[in-house]
N, C-alpha and C. Protein backbone atom coordinates (compact mmCIF):
# COMPACT_ATOMS: atom_id res chain seq x y z
N MET A 1 169.50 -6.73 -68.65
CA MET A 1 170.03 -5.50 -68.09
C MET A 1 170.16 -4.46 -69.20
N SER A 2 170.18 -3.22 -68.79
CA SER A 2 170.25 -2.15 -69.76
C SER A 2 171.70 -1.87 -70.15
N ASP A 3 171.84 -1.06 -71.20
CA ASP A 3 173.18 -0.68 -71.66
C ASP A 3 173.93 0.10 -70.59
N LEU A 4 173.20 0.94 -69.83
CA LEU A 4 173.84 1.74 -68.78
C LEU A 4 174.46 0.85 -67.70
N THR A 5 173.72 -0.15 -67.26
CA THR A 5 174.24 -1.04 -66.21
C THR A 5 175.38 -1.90 -66.76
N ASP A 6 175.24 -2.35 -68.01
CA ASP A 6 176.31 -3.15 -68.63
C ASP A 6 177.60 -2.34 -68.70
N GLU A 7 177.46 -1.07 -69.04
CA GLU A 7 178.61 -0.18 -69.14
C GLU A 7 179.28 0.01 -67.78
N LEU A 8 178.46 0.21 -66.75
CA LEU A 8 178.99 0.37 -65.39
C LEU A 8 179.74 -0.88 -64.94
N ILE A 9 179.18 -2.03 -65.20
CA ILE A 9 179.80 -3.30 -64.79
C ILE A 9 181.09 -3.52 -65.56
N ALA A 10 181.08 -3.23 -66.86
CA ALA A 10 182.30 -3.39 -67.67
C ALA A 10 183.41 -2.47 -67.16
N ASP A 11 183.03 -1.24 -66.81
CA ASP A 11 184.00 -0.29 -66.28
C ASP A 11 184.55 -0.79 -64.94
N ALA A 12 183.68 -1.28 -64.08
CA ALA A 12 184.10 -1.80 -62.77
C ALA A 12 185.04 -2.99 -62.97
N ARG A 13 184.70 -3.89 -63.89
CA ARG A 13 185.53 -5.07 -64.15
C ARG A 13 186.94 -4.64 -64.60
N GLU A 14 186.99 -3.66 -65.49
CA GLU A 14 188.27 -3.17 -66.00
C GLU A 14 189.10 -2.52 -64.90
N ARG A 15 188.46 -1.69 -64.09
CA ARG A 15 189.18 -1.00 -63.01
C ARG A 15 189.66 -2.00 -61.95
N MET A 16 188.83 -3.00 -61.65
CA MET A 16 189.24 -4.02 -60.67
C MET A 16 190.42 -4.83 -61.20
N ALA A 17 190.38 -5.17 -62.49
CA ALA A 17 191.48 -5.94 -63.08
C ALA A 17 192.78 -5.13 -63.02
N LYS A 18 192.69 -3.82 -63.25
CA LYS A 18 193.88 -2.96 -63.16
C LYS A 18 194.40 -2.92 -61.73
N SER A 19 193.51 -2.89 -60.75
CA SER A 19 193.92 -2.90 -59.35
C SER A 19 194.66 -4.20 -59.01
N VAL A 20 194.14 -5.31 -59.51
CA VAL A 20 194.79 -6.60 -59.28
C VAL A 20 196.18 -6.61 -59.93
N GLU A 21 196.25 -6.11 -61.16
CA GLU A 21 197.52 -6.05 -61.88
C GLU A 21 198.54 -5.19 -61.12
N GLN A 22 198.08 -4.05 -60.63
CA GLN A 22 198.96 -3.16 -59.87
C GLN A 22 199.44 -3.84 -58.59
N THR A 23 198.56 -4.55 -57.92
CA THR A 23 198.93 -5.25 -56.69
C THR A 23 199.95 -6.35 -57.00
N GLN A 24 199.75 -7.07 -58.10
CA GLN A 24 200.70 -8.11 -58.48
C GLN A 24 202.07 -7.50 -58.77
N HIS A 25 202.06 -6.32 -59.38
CA HIS A 25 203.33 -5.63 -59.65
C HIS A 25 204.00 -5.23 -58.33
N GLU A 26 203.22 -4.78 -57.36
CA GLU A 26 203.77 -4.41 -56.05
C GLU A 26 204.35 -5.63 -55.34
N PHE A 27 203.75 -6.81 -55.57
CA PHE A 27 204.28 -8.04 -54.98
C PHE A 27 205.73 -8.26 -55.43
N GLN A 28 206.05 -7.87 -56.65
CA GLN A 28 207.40 -8.09 -57.18
C GLN A 28 208.45 -7.31 -56.39
N SER A 29 208.04 -6.21 -55.76
CA SER A 29 209.00 -5.41 -55.00
C SER A 29 209.28 -6.00 -53.62
N VAL A 30 208.53 -7.05 -53.24
CA VAL A 30 208.80 -7.73 -51.97
C VAL A 30 209.89 -8.77 -52.23
N ARG A 31 210.93 -8.69 -51.44
CA ARG A 31 212.10 -9.51 -51.64
C ARG A 31 211.83 -10.99 -51.40
N THR A 32 212.43 -11.81 -52.22
CA THR A 32 212.42 -13.26 -51.99
C THR A 32 213.88 -13.67 -51.83
N GLY A 33 214.18 -14.93 -51.85
CA GLY A 33 215.55 -15.39 -51.68
C GLY A 33 216.43 -15.11 -52.87
N ARG A 34 215.84 -14.80 -54.02
CA ARG A 34 216.61 -14.55 -55.24
C ARG A 34 216.72 -13.06 -55.52
N ALA A 35 217.78 -12.68 -56.21
CA ALA A 35 217.97 -11.29 -56.61
C ALA A 35 217.04 -10.98 -57.77
N SER A 36 216.34 -9.86 -57.68
CA SER A 36 215.45 -9.41 -58.75
C SER A 36 215.51 -7.89 -58.80
N PRO A 37 215.70 -7.31 -59.99
CA PRO A 37 215.73 -5.85 -60.09
C PRO A 37 214.45 -5.19 -59.55
N ALA A 38 213.34 -5.92 -59.54
CA ALA A 38 212.07 -5.37 -59.05
C ALA A 38 212.13 -5.03 -57.56
N ILE A 39 213.09 -5.62 -56.83
CA ILE A 39 213.25 -5.32 -55.40
C ILE A 39 213.46 -3.82 -55.19
N LEU A 40 214.11 -3.19 -56.16
CA LEU A 40 214.45 -1.77 -56.02
C LEU A 40 213.41 -0.84 -56.63
N ASP A 41 212.27 -1.37 -57.06
CA ASP A 41 211.22 -0.54 -57.67
C ASP A 41 210.71 0.56 -56.75
N ARG A 42 210.67 0.28 -55.45
CA ARG A 42 210.12 1.26 -54.51
C ARG A 42 211.16 2.27 -54.00
N VAL A 43 212.42 2.13 -54.44
CA VAL A 43 213.47 3.04 -53.99
C VAL A 43 213.36 4.36 -54.75
N VAL A 44 213.28 5.44 -53.97
CA VAL A 44 213.16 6.79 -54.54
C VAL A 44 214.37 7.61 -54.08
N VAL A 45 214.97 8.33 -55.03
CA VAL A 45 216.16 9.12 -54.77
C VAL A 45 215.79 10.60 -54.74
N ASP A 46 216.33 11.33 -53.76
CA ASP A 46 216.14 12.78 -53.71
C ASP A 46 217.16 13.39 -54.66
N TYR A 47 216.75 13.59 -55.91
CA TYR A 47 217.63 14.07 -56.97
C TYR A 47 217.38 15.55 -57.20
N PHE A 48 218.24 16.40 -56.65
CA PHE A 48 218.10 17.85 -56.73
C PHE A 48 216.73 18.32 -56.25
N GLY A 49 216.29 17.76 -55.13
CA GLY A 49 215.03 18.17 -54.51
C GLY A 49 213.79 17.52 -55.11
N VAL A 50 213.97 16.63 -56.08
CA VAL A 50 212.83 15.96 -56.73
C VAL A 50 212.90 14.47 -56.41
N ALA A 51 211.80 13.91 -55.91
CA ALA A 51 211.74 12.48 -55.62
C ALA A 51 211.69 11.73 -56.95
N THR A 52 212.78 11.03 -57.28
CA THR A 52 212.92 10.36 -58.57
C THR A 52 213.12 8.86 -58.35
N PRO A 53 212.40 8.02 -59.10
CA PRO A 53 212.60 6.57 -58.97
C PRO A 53 214.03 6.19 -59.36
N LEU A 54 214.60 5.24 -58.64
CA LEU A 54 215.96 4.78 -58.90
C LEU A 54 216.12 4.34 -60.36
N ARG A 55 215.10 3.66 -60.90
CA ARG A 55 215.15 3.17 -62.29
C ARG A 55 215.39 4.29 -63.31
N SER A 56 214.98 5.53 -62.96
CA SER A 56 215.16 6.65 -63.87
C SER A 56 216.59 7.18 -63.86
N LEU A 57 217.36 6.77 -62.86
CA LEU A 57 218.72 7.30 -62.72
C LEU A 57 219.81 6.26 -62.95
N ALA A 58 219.43 4.99 -63.09
CA ALA A 58 220.44 3.95 -63.21
C ALA A 58 219.89 2.71 -63.90
N THR A 59 220.81 1.88 -64.38
CA THR A 59 220.47 0.58 -64.94
C THR A 59 220.62 -0.45 -63.82
N ILE A 60 219.61 -1.28 -63.64
CA ILE A 60 219.63 -2.28 -62.57
C ILE A 60 219.60 -3.67 -63.21
N ASN A 61 220.55 -4.51 -62.84
CA ASN A 61 220.62 -5.87 -63.39
C ASN A 61 220.81 -6.89 -62.27
N ALA A 62 220.50 -8.14 -62.59
CA ALA A 62 220.73 -9.25 -61.67
C ALA A 62 221.62 -10.27 -62.39
N PRO A 63 222.95 -10.06 -62.40
CA PRO A 63 223.84 -10.97 -63.14
C PRO A 63 223.97 -12.35 -62.51
N GLU A 64 223.71 -12.44 -61.20
CA GLU A 64 223.78 -13.72 -60.50
C GLU A 64 222.56 -13.86 -59.60
N ALA A 65 222.35 -15.06 -59.07
CA ALA A 65 221.17 -15.32 -58.24
C ALA A 65 221.16 -14.51 -56.94
N ARG A 66 222.33 -14.12 -56.45
CA ARG A 66 222.42 -13.40 -55.18
C ARG A 66 223.10 -12.03 -55.33
N LEU A 67 223.05 -11.46 -56.52
CA LEU A 67 223.73 -10.18 -56.74
C LEU A 67 222.92 -9.27 -57.65
N LEU A 68 222.81 -8.01 -57.24
CA LEU A 68 222.23 -6.97 -58.09
C LEU A 68 223.32 -5.96 -58.38
N THR A 69 223.29 -5.41 -59.60
CA THR A 69 224.21 -4.32 -59.93
C THR A 69 223.41 -3.10 -60.30
N VAL A 70 223.89 -1.95 -59.86
CA VAL A 70 223.25 -0.67 -60.17
C VAL A 70 224.32 0.20 -60.82
N GLN A 71 224.08 0.58 -62.07
CA GLN A 71 225.03 1.43 -62.77
C GLN A 71 224.36 2.76 -63.09
N PRO A 72 224.77 3.83 -62.40
CA PRO A 72 224.13 5.13 -62.63
C PRO A 72 224.45 5.67 -64.02
N PHE A 73 223.48 6.37 -64.60
CA PHE A 73 223.69 7.01 -65.89
C PHE A 73 224.71 8.14 -65.74
N ASP A 74 224.69 8.80 -64.58
CA ASP A 74 225.62 9.88 -64.26
C ASP A 74 226.41 9.44 -63.03
N PRO A 75 227.71 9.11 -63.21
CA PRO A 75 228.50 8.61 -62.08
C PRO A 75 228.55 9.55 -60.88
N SER A 76 228.31 10.84 -61.07
CA SER A 76 228.35 11.78 -59.94
C SER A 76 227.17 11.57 -58.98
N THR A 77 226.16 10.80 -59.38
CA THR A 77 225.00 10.55 -58.52
C THR A 77 225.18 9.30 -57.65
N MET A 78 226.35 8.65 -57.74
CA MET A 78 226.59 7.38 -57.04
C MET A 78 226.27 7.49 -55.55
N LYS A 79 226.76 8.55 -54.89
CA LYS A 79 226.53 8.70 -53.44
C LYS A 79 225.05 8.86 -53.12
N LEU A 80 224.31 9.63 -53.96
CA LEU A 80 222.87 9.80 -53.76
C LEU A 80 222.14 8.46 -53.86
N LEU A 81 222.50 7.68 -54.87
CA LEU A 81 221.86 6.37 -55.08
C LEU A 81 222.18 5.44 -53.92
N GLU A 82 223.42 5.44 -53.50
CA GLU A 82 223.85 4.58 -52.41
C GLU A 82 223.07 4.91 -51.12
N LYS A 83 222.94 6.20 -50.83
CA LYS A 83 222.20 6.64 -49.64
C LYS A 83 220.72 6.24 -49.74
N ALA A 84 220.12 6.43 -50.91
CA ALA A 84 218.71 6.09 -51.10
C ALA A 84 218.47 4.60 -50.88
N ILE A 85 219.35 3.77 -51.39
CA ILE A 85 219.20 2.31 -51.22
C ILE A 85 219.37 1.93 -49.75
N SER A 86 220.37 2.52 -49.10
CA SER A 86 220.61 2.22 -47.68
C SER A 86 219.42 2.63 -46.81
N ASP A 87 218.83 3.79 -47.13
CA ASP A 87 217.71 4.32 -46.34
C ASP A 87 216.35 3.72 -46.69
N SER A 88 216.28 2.94 -47.77
CA SER A 88 214.98 2.46 -48.29
C SER A 88 214.35 1.35 -47.46
N GLY A 89 215.15 0.62 -46.70
CA GLY A 89 214.60 -0.47 -45.91
C GLY A 89 214.46 -1.78 -46.65
N VAL A 90 215.10 -1.91 -47.82
CA VAL A 90 215.03 -3.17 -48.56
C VAL A 90 215.98 -4.22 -47.98
N GLY A 91 216.85 -3.77 -47.07
CA GLY A 91 217.74 -4.72 -46.39
C GLY A 91 218.97 -5.09 -47.19
N LEU A 92 219.40 -4.22 -48.09
CA LEU A 92 220.59 -4.48 -48.89
C LEU A 92 221.63 -3.39 -48.62
N ASN A 93 222.90 -3.79 -48.50
CA ASN A 93 223.97 -2.83 -48.26
C ASN A 93 224.81 -2.67 -49.53
N PRO A 94 224.78 -1.47 -50.10
CA PRO A 94 225.52 -1.25 -51.34
C PRO A 94 227.03 -1.08 -51.13
N SER A 95 227.78 -1.57 -52.10
CA SER A 95 229.22 -1.29 -52.14
C SER A 95 229.52 -0.89 -53.58
N ASN A 96 230.36 0.14 -53.76
CA ASN A 96 230.60 0.59 -55.12
C ASN A 96 232.09 0.78 -55.37
N ASP A 97 232.45 0.72 -56.66
CA ASP A 97 233.83 0.92 -57.06
C ASP A 97 233.97 2.23 -57.85
N GLY A 98 232.98 3.10 -57.73
CA GLY A 98 233.02 4.38 -58.43
C GLY A 98 232.25 4.37 -59.74
N LYS A 99 232.12 3.20 -60.36
CA LYS A 99 231.41 3.11 -61.63
C LYS A 99 230.12 2.29 -61.51
N ILE A 100 230.19 1.25 -60.69
CA ILE A 100 229.05 0.34 -60.55
C ILE A 100 228.86 -0.01 -59.07
N MET A 101 227.61 -0.14 -58.68
CA MET A 101 227.29 -0.49 -57.30
C MET A 101 226.84 -1.95 -57.27
N ARG A 102 227.33 -2.67 -56.29
CA ARG A 102 226.96 -4.07 -56.15
C ARG A 102 226.15 -4.23 -54.87
N LEU A 103 225.05 -4.98 -54.98
CA LEU A 103 224.19 -5.25 -53.83
C LEU A 103 224.11 -6.75 -53.67
N SER A 104 224.72 -7.25 -52.62
CA SER A 104 224.68 -8.67 -52.35
C SER A 104 223.35 -8.98 -51.66
N VAL A 105 222.62 -9.94 -52.20
CA VAL A 105 221.31 -10.32 -51.64
C VAL A 105 221.54 -11.49 -50.70
N PRO A 106 221.48 -11.23 -49.38
CA PRO A 106 221.75 -12.31 -48.42
C PRO A 106 220.60 -13.33 -48.36
N GLU A 107 220.95 -14.50 -47.89
CA GLU A 107 219.95 -15.55 -47.66
C GLU A 107 218.97 -15.04 -46.60
N LEU A 108 217.70 -15.30 -46.79
CA LEU A 108 216.70 -14.85 -45.82
C LEU A 108 216.60 -15.86 -44.67
N ASN A 109 216.55 -15.34 -43.44
CA ASN A 109 216.33 -16.25 -42.31
C ASN A 109 214.81 -16.39 -42.11
N GLU A 110 214.42 -17.32 -41.27
CA GLU A 110 212.99 -17.63 -41.07
C GLU A 110 212.21 -16.42 -40.58
N GLU A 111 212.81 -15.67 -39.63
CA GLU A 111 212.12 -14.50 -39.08
C GLU A 111 211.87 -13.45 -40.17
N ARG A 112 212.88 -13.21 -40.99
CA ARG A 112 212.75 -12.21 -42.06
C ARG A 112 211.70 -12.68 -43.09
N ARG A 113 211.67 -13.97 -43.36
CA ARG A 113 210.67 -14.51 -44.30
C ARG A 113 209.25 -14.24 -43.78
N ARG A 114 209.05 -14.45 -42.47
CA ARG A 114 207.73 -14.22 -41.87
C ARG A 114 207.35 -12.74 -41.97
N GLU A 115 208.34 -11.84 -41.77
CA GLU A 115 208.07 -10.41 -41.89
C GLU A 115 207.67 -10.05 -43.33
N LEU A 116 208.36 -10.66 -44.29
CA LEU A 116 208.05 -10.37 -45.69
C LEU A 116 206.68 -10.91 -46.09
N VAL A 117 206.27 -12.03 -45.51
CA VAL A 117 204.92 -12.55 -45.75
C VAL A 117 203.89 -11.54 -45.25
N LYS A 118 204.17 -10.94 -44.08
CA LYS A 118 203.26 -9.91 -43.54
C LYS A 118 203.19 -8.71 -44.48
N VAL A 119 204.33 -8.31 -45.03
CA VAL A 119 204.35 -7.20 -45.98
C VAL A 119 203.50 -7.54 -47.21
N ALA A 120 203.66 -8.75 -47.71
CA ALA A 120 202.88 -9.19 -48.88
C ALA A 120 201.38 -9.21 -48.56
N ARG A 121 201.03 -9.66 -47.37
CA ARG A 121 199.62 -9.67 -46.97
C ARG A 121 199.07 -8.25 -46.87
N GLY A 122 199.90 -7.31 -46.40
CA GLY A 122 199.49 -5.90 -46.34
C GLY A 122 199.23 -5.34 -47.73
N ILE A 123 200.11 -5.68 -48.67
CA ILE A 123 199.92 -5.23 -50.06
C ILE A 123 198.63 -5.82 -50.62
N ALA A 124 198.37 -7.10 -50.32
CA ALA A 124 197.15 -7.75 -50.79
C ALA A 124 195.91 -7.08 -50.20
N GLU A 125 195.98 -6.72 -48.93
CA GLU A 125 194.84 -6.05 -48.29
C GLU A 125 194.57 -4.70 -48.94
N GLU A 126 195.63 -3.96 -49.28
CA GLU A 126 195.45 -2.69 -49.99
C GLU A 126 194.73 -2.94 -51.33
N GLY A 127 195.11 -4.01 -52.01
CA GLY A 127 194.46 -4.36 -53.28
C GLY A 127 193.00 -4.71 -53.08
N ARG A 128 192.69 -5.46 -52.02
CA ARG A 128 191.29 -5.80 -51.73
C ARG A 128 190.48 -4.54 -51.43
N ILE A 129 191.09 -3.61 -50.70
CA ILE A 129 190.39 -2.35 -50.37
C ILE A 129 190.09 -1.58 -51.65
N LYS A 130 191.05 -1.53 -52.57
CA LYS A 130 190.81 -0.84 -53.85
C LYS A 130 189.64 -1.48 -54.60
N ILE A 131 189.62 -2.80 -54.62
CA ILE A 131 188.53 -3.51 -55.31
C ILE A 131 187.19 -3.21 -54.65
N ARG A 132 187.16 -3.24 -53.32
CA ARG A 132 185.90 -2.96 -52.62
C ARG A 132 185.45 -1.51 -52.83
N ASN A 133 186.39 -0.59 -52.93
CA ASN A 133 186.04 0.81 -53.21
C ASN A 133 185.42 0.96 -54.60
N ILE A 134 185.95 0.22 -55.56
CA ILE A 134 185.38 0.25 -56.91
C ILE A 134 183.95 -0.32 -56.87
N ARG A 135 183.78 -1.42 -56.13
CA ARG A 135 182.43 -2.00 -55.99
C ARG A 135 181.49 -0.99 -55.36
N ARG A 136 181.93 -0.33 -54.29
CA ARG A 136 181.09 0.67 -53.61
C ARG A 136 180.69 1.79 -54.57
N ASP A 137 181.65 2.29 -55.34
CA ASP A 137 181.35 3.36 -56.30
C ASP A 137 180.35 2.90 -57.36
N THR A 138 180.51 1.67 -57.83
CA THR A 138 179.60 1.14 -58.85
C THR A 138 178.19 0.98 -58.28
N MET A 139 178.10 0.47 -57.05
CA MET A 139 176.78 0.31 -56.40
C MET A 139 176.11 1.67 -56.23
N LYS A 140 176.89 2.68 -55.86
CA LYS A 140 176.36 4.04 -55.70
C LYS A 140 175.84 4.56 -57.05
N ASP A 141 176.61 4.33 -58.11
CA ASP A 141 176.18 4.77 -59.44
C ASP A 141 174.89 4.05 -59.87
N LEU A 142 174.80 2.77 -59.55
CA LEU A 142 173.59 2.01 -59.89
C LEU A 142 172.37 2.57 -59.15
N LYS A 143 172.57 2.90 -57.88
CA LYS A 143 171.46 3.46 -57.10
C LYS A 143 171.03 4.81 -57.68
N GLU A 144 172.00 5.62 -58.10
CA GLU A 144 171.67 6.91 -58.71
C GLU A 144 170.90 6.73 -60.01
N LEU A 145 171.27 5.71 -60.80
CA LEU A 145 170.55 5.42 -62.04
C LEU A 145 169.10 5.02 -61.74
N LYS A 146 168.93 4.20 -60.70
CA LYS A 146 167.57 3.77 -60.32
C LYS A 146 166.76 4.97 -59.82
N ASP A 147 167.39 5.79 -58.96
CA ASP A 147 166.70 6.95 -58.40
C ASP A 147 166.30 7.97 -59.47
N SER A 148 167.13 8.08 -60.51
CA SER A 148 166.82 9.04 -61.58
C SER A 148 165.80 8.46 -62.57
N GLY A 149 165.52 7.17 -62.45
CA GLY A 149 164.53 6.54 -63.32
C GLY A 149 165.10 5.99 -64.61
N ASP A 150 166.44 5.99 -64.74
CA ASP A 150 167.07 5.49 -65.96
C ASP A 150 167.03 3.96 -66.05
N VAL A 151 167.01 3.30 -64.91
CA VAL A 151 166.87 1.83 -64.89
C VAL A 151 165.86 1.44 -63.82
N GLY A 152 165.26 0.29 -64.00
CA GLY A 152 164.28 -0.20 -63.04
C GLY A 152 164.95 -0.91 -61.87
N GLU A 153 164.14 -1.22 -60.88
CA GLU A 153 164.67 -1.86 -59.68
C GLU A 153 165.22 -3.25 -59.97
N ASP A 154 164.55 -4.01 -60.85
CA ASP A 154 165.03 -5.34 -61.21
C ASP A 154 166.40 -5.28 -61.87
N ASP A 155 166.56 -4.33 -62.80
CA ASP A 155 167.86 -4.16 -63.47
C ASP A 155 168.93 -3.79 -62.46
N GLU A 156 168.58 -2.92 -61.51
CA GLU A 156 169.55 -2.51 -60.50
C GLU A 156 169.98 -3.72 -59.67
N LYS A 157 169.02 -4.54 -59.26
CA LYS A 157 169.35 -5.72 -58.43
C LYS A 157 170.22 -6.71 -59.20
N ARG A 158 169.89 -6.93 -60.48
CA ARG A 158 170.71 -7.84 -61.30
C ARG A 158 172.13 -7.28 -61.46
N ALA A 159 172.22 -5.98 -61.70
CA ALA A 159 173.53 -5.34 -61.88
C ALA A 159 174.34 -5.40 -60.58
N GLU A 160 173.67 -5.22 -59.44
CA GLU A 160 174.38 -5.31 -58.16
C GLU A 160 174.92 -6.72 -57.95
N ALA A 161 174.10 -7.72 -58.30
CA ALA A 161 174.54 -9.11 -58.16
C ALA A 161 175.73 -9.39 -59.08
N GLU A 162 175.67 -8.88 -60.29
CA GLU A 162 176.77 -9.06 -61.25
C GLU A 162 178.04 -8.35 -60.75
N THR A 163 177.88 -7.15 -60.19
CA THR A 163 179.02 -6.41 -59.65
C THR A 163 179.66 -7.19 -58.51
N GLN A 164 178.85 -7.78 -57.64
CA GLN A 164 179.37 -8.58 -56.54
C GLN A 164 180.12 -9.79 -57.08
N LYS A 165 179.59 -10.40 -58.14
CA LYS A 165 180.23 -11.57 -58.74
C LYS A 165 181.61 -11.19 -59.29
N VAL A 166 181.68 -10.04 -59.99
CA VAL A 166 182.94 -9.55 -60.54
C VAL A 166 183.93 -9.27 -59.40
N THR A 167 183.43 -8.66 -58.32
CA THR A 167 184.26 -8.36 -57.16
C THR A 167 184.85 -9.64 -56.58
N ASP A 168 184.01 -10.65 -56.39
CA ASP A 168 184.47 -11.92 -55.84
C ASP A 168 185.53 -12.57 -56.73
N GLU A 169 185.32 -12.49 -58.07
CA GLU A 169 186.28 -13.07 -59.01
C GLU A 169 187.64 -12.39 -58.88
N GLN A 170 187.64 -11.05 -58.82
CA GLN A 170 188.90 -10.31 -58.76
C GLN A 170 189.60 -10.53 -57.41
N VAL A 171 188.84 -10.61 -56.33
CA VAL A 171 189.44 -10.89 -55.02
C VAL A 171 190.06 -12.29 -55.04
N ALA A 172 189.43 -13.25 -55.70
CA ALA A 172 189.97 -14.61 -55.80
C ALA A 172 191.30 -14.60 -56.58
N VAL A 173 191.37 -13.82 -57.64
CA VAL A 173 192.62 -13.71 -58.41
C VAL A 173 193.72 -13.14 -57.51
N LEU A 174 193.37 -12.13 -56.74
CA LEU A 174 194.31 -11.50 -55.82
C LEU A 174 194.78 -12.51 -54.75
N GLU A 175 193.86 -13.29 -54.23
CA GLU A 175 194.20 -14.29 -53.20
C GLU A 175 195.16 -15.33 -53.77
N ASN A 176 194.92 -15.75 -55.02
CA ASN A 176 195.82 -16.72 -55.65
C ASN A 176 197.21 -16.14 -55.83
N ALA A 177 197.28 -14.87 -56.24
CA ALA A 177 198.58 -14.21 -56.40
C ALA A 177 199.31 -14.12 -55.06
N LEU A 178 198.55 -13.85 -53.99
CA LEU A 178 199.14 -13.78 -52.66
C LEU A 178 199.69 -15.15 -52.24
N LYS A 179 198.94 -16.22 -52.50
CA LYS A 179 199.40 -17.57 -52.15
C LYS A 179 200.71 -17.90 -52.87
N VAL A 180 200.78 -17.53 -54.16
CA VAL A 180 201.99 -17.78 -54.94
C VAL A 180 203.17 -17.01 -54.35
N LYS A 181 202.94 -15.74 -54.00
CA LYS A 181 204.00 -14.90 -53.44
C LYS A 181 204.44 -15.43 -52.08
N GLU A 182 203.49 -15.83 -51.25
CA GLU A 182 203.86 -16.39 -49.94
C GLU A 182 204.72 -17.64 -50.10
N ALA A 183 204.33 -18.51 -51.02
CA ALA A 183 205.10 -19.73 -51.26
C ALA A 183 206.51 -19.39 -51.75
N GLU A 184 206.60 -18.38 -52.60
CA GLU A 184 207.89 -17.93 -53.13
C GLU A 184 208.78 -17.39 -52.01
N ILE A 185 208.19 -16.62 -51.10
CA ILE A 185 208.96 -16.04 -49.98
C ILE A 185 209.42 -17.14 -49.02
N LEU A 186 208.55 -18.08 -48.73
CA LEU A 186 208.85 -19.11 -47.75
C LEU A 186 209.73 -20.24 -48.31
N GLU A 187 209.89 -20.27 -49.63
CA GLU A 187 210.71 -21.28 -50.28
C GLU A 187 212.17 -21.12 -49.83
N VAL A 188 212.76 -22.22 -49.38
CA VAL A 188 214.15 -22.14 -48.89
C VAL A 188 215.10 -22.65 -49.96
């Protein structure tokens, strides 16, 4: 294969790996039976008209297996943070003493576990779509290289096969991450 096709495949491999990494990070925001600060990663606070991530406004800790604490950098934002967490849909009810907010992480029932598995599968599907879009873009670039005469048809076919192989590898990594997350959610 030519340097041009090798470069395209290397770029596709890197972008696909980043998509998998991002999807794995999103999996962390799906609640399991244990308290994890990552549960609150998707919570966004309307801070003076600007959508601001909760992490930028407070320190989040998990001092116990079923408890999260949120300590705002500015105590006057406590009500904003409390409202954002309540409205976020993470299923946690905040209680605060004016300085620190406590979020008790309840035990998950079977129905809620099944819902969370569906959420995780949705996140995985988004990751697969990103990977397939990268593959599509790479295939389009390869075709343009062939049409412009920069690479021959044989090189294009080999590069397409290699791109498909890379795609399959990254989707397999994503599937394994999904299986691990599902097992974690369903663990009682």
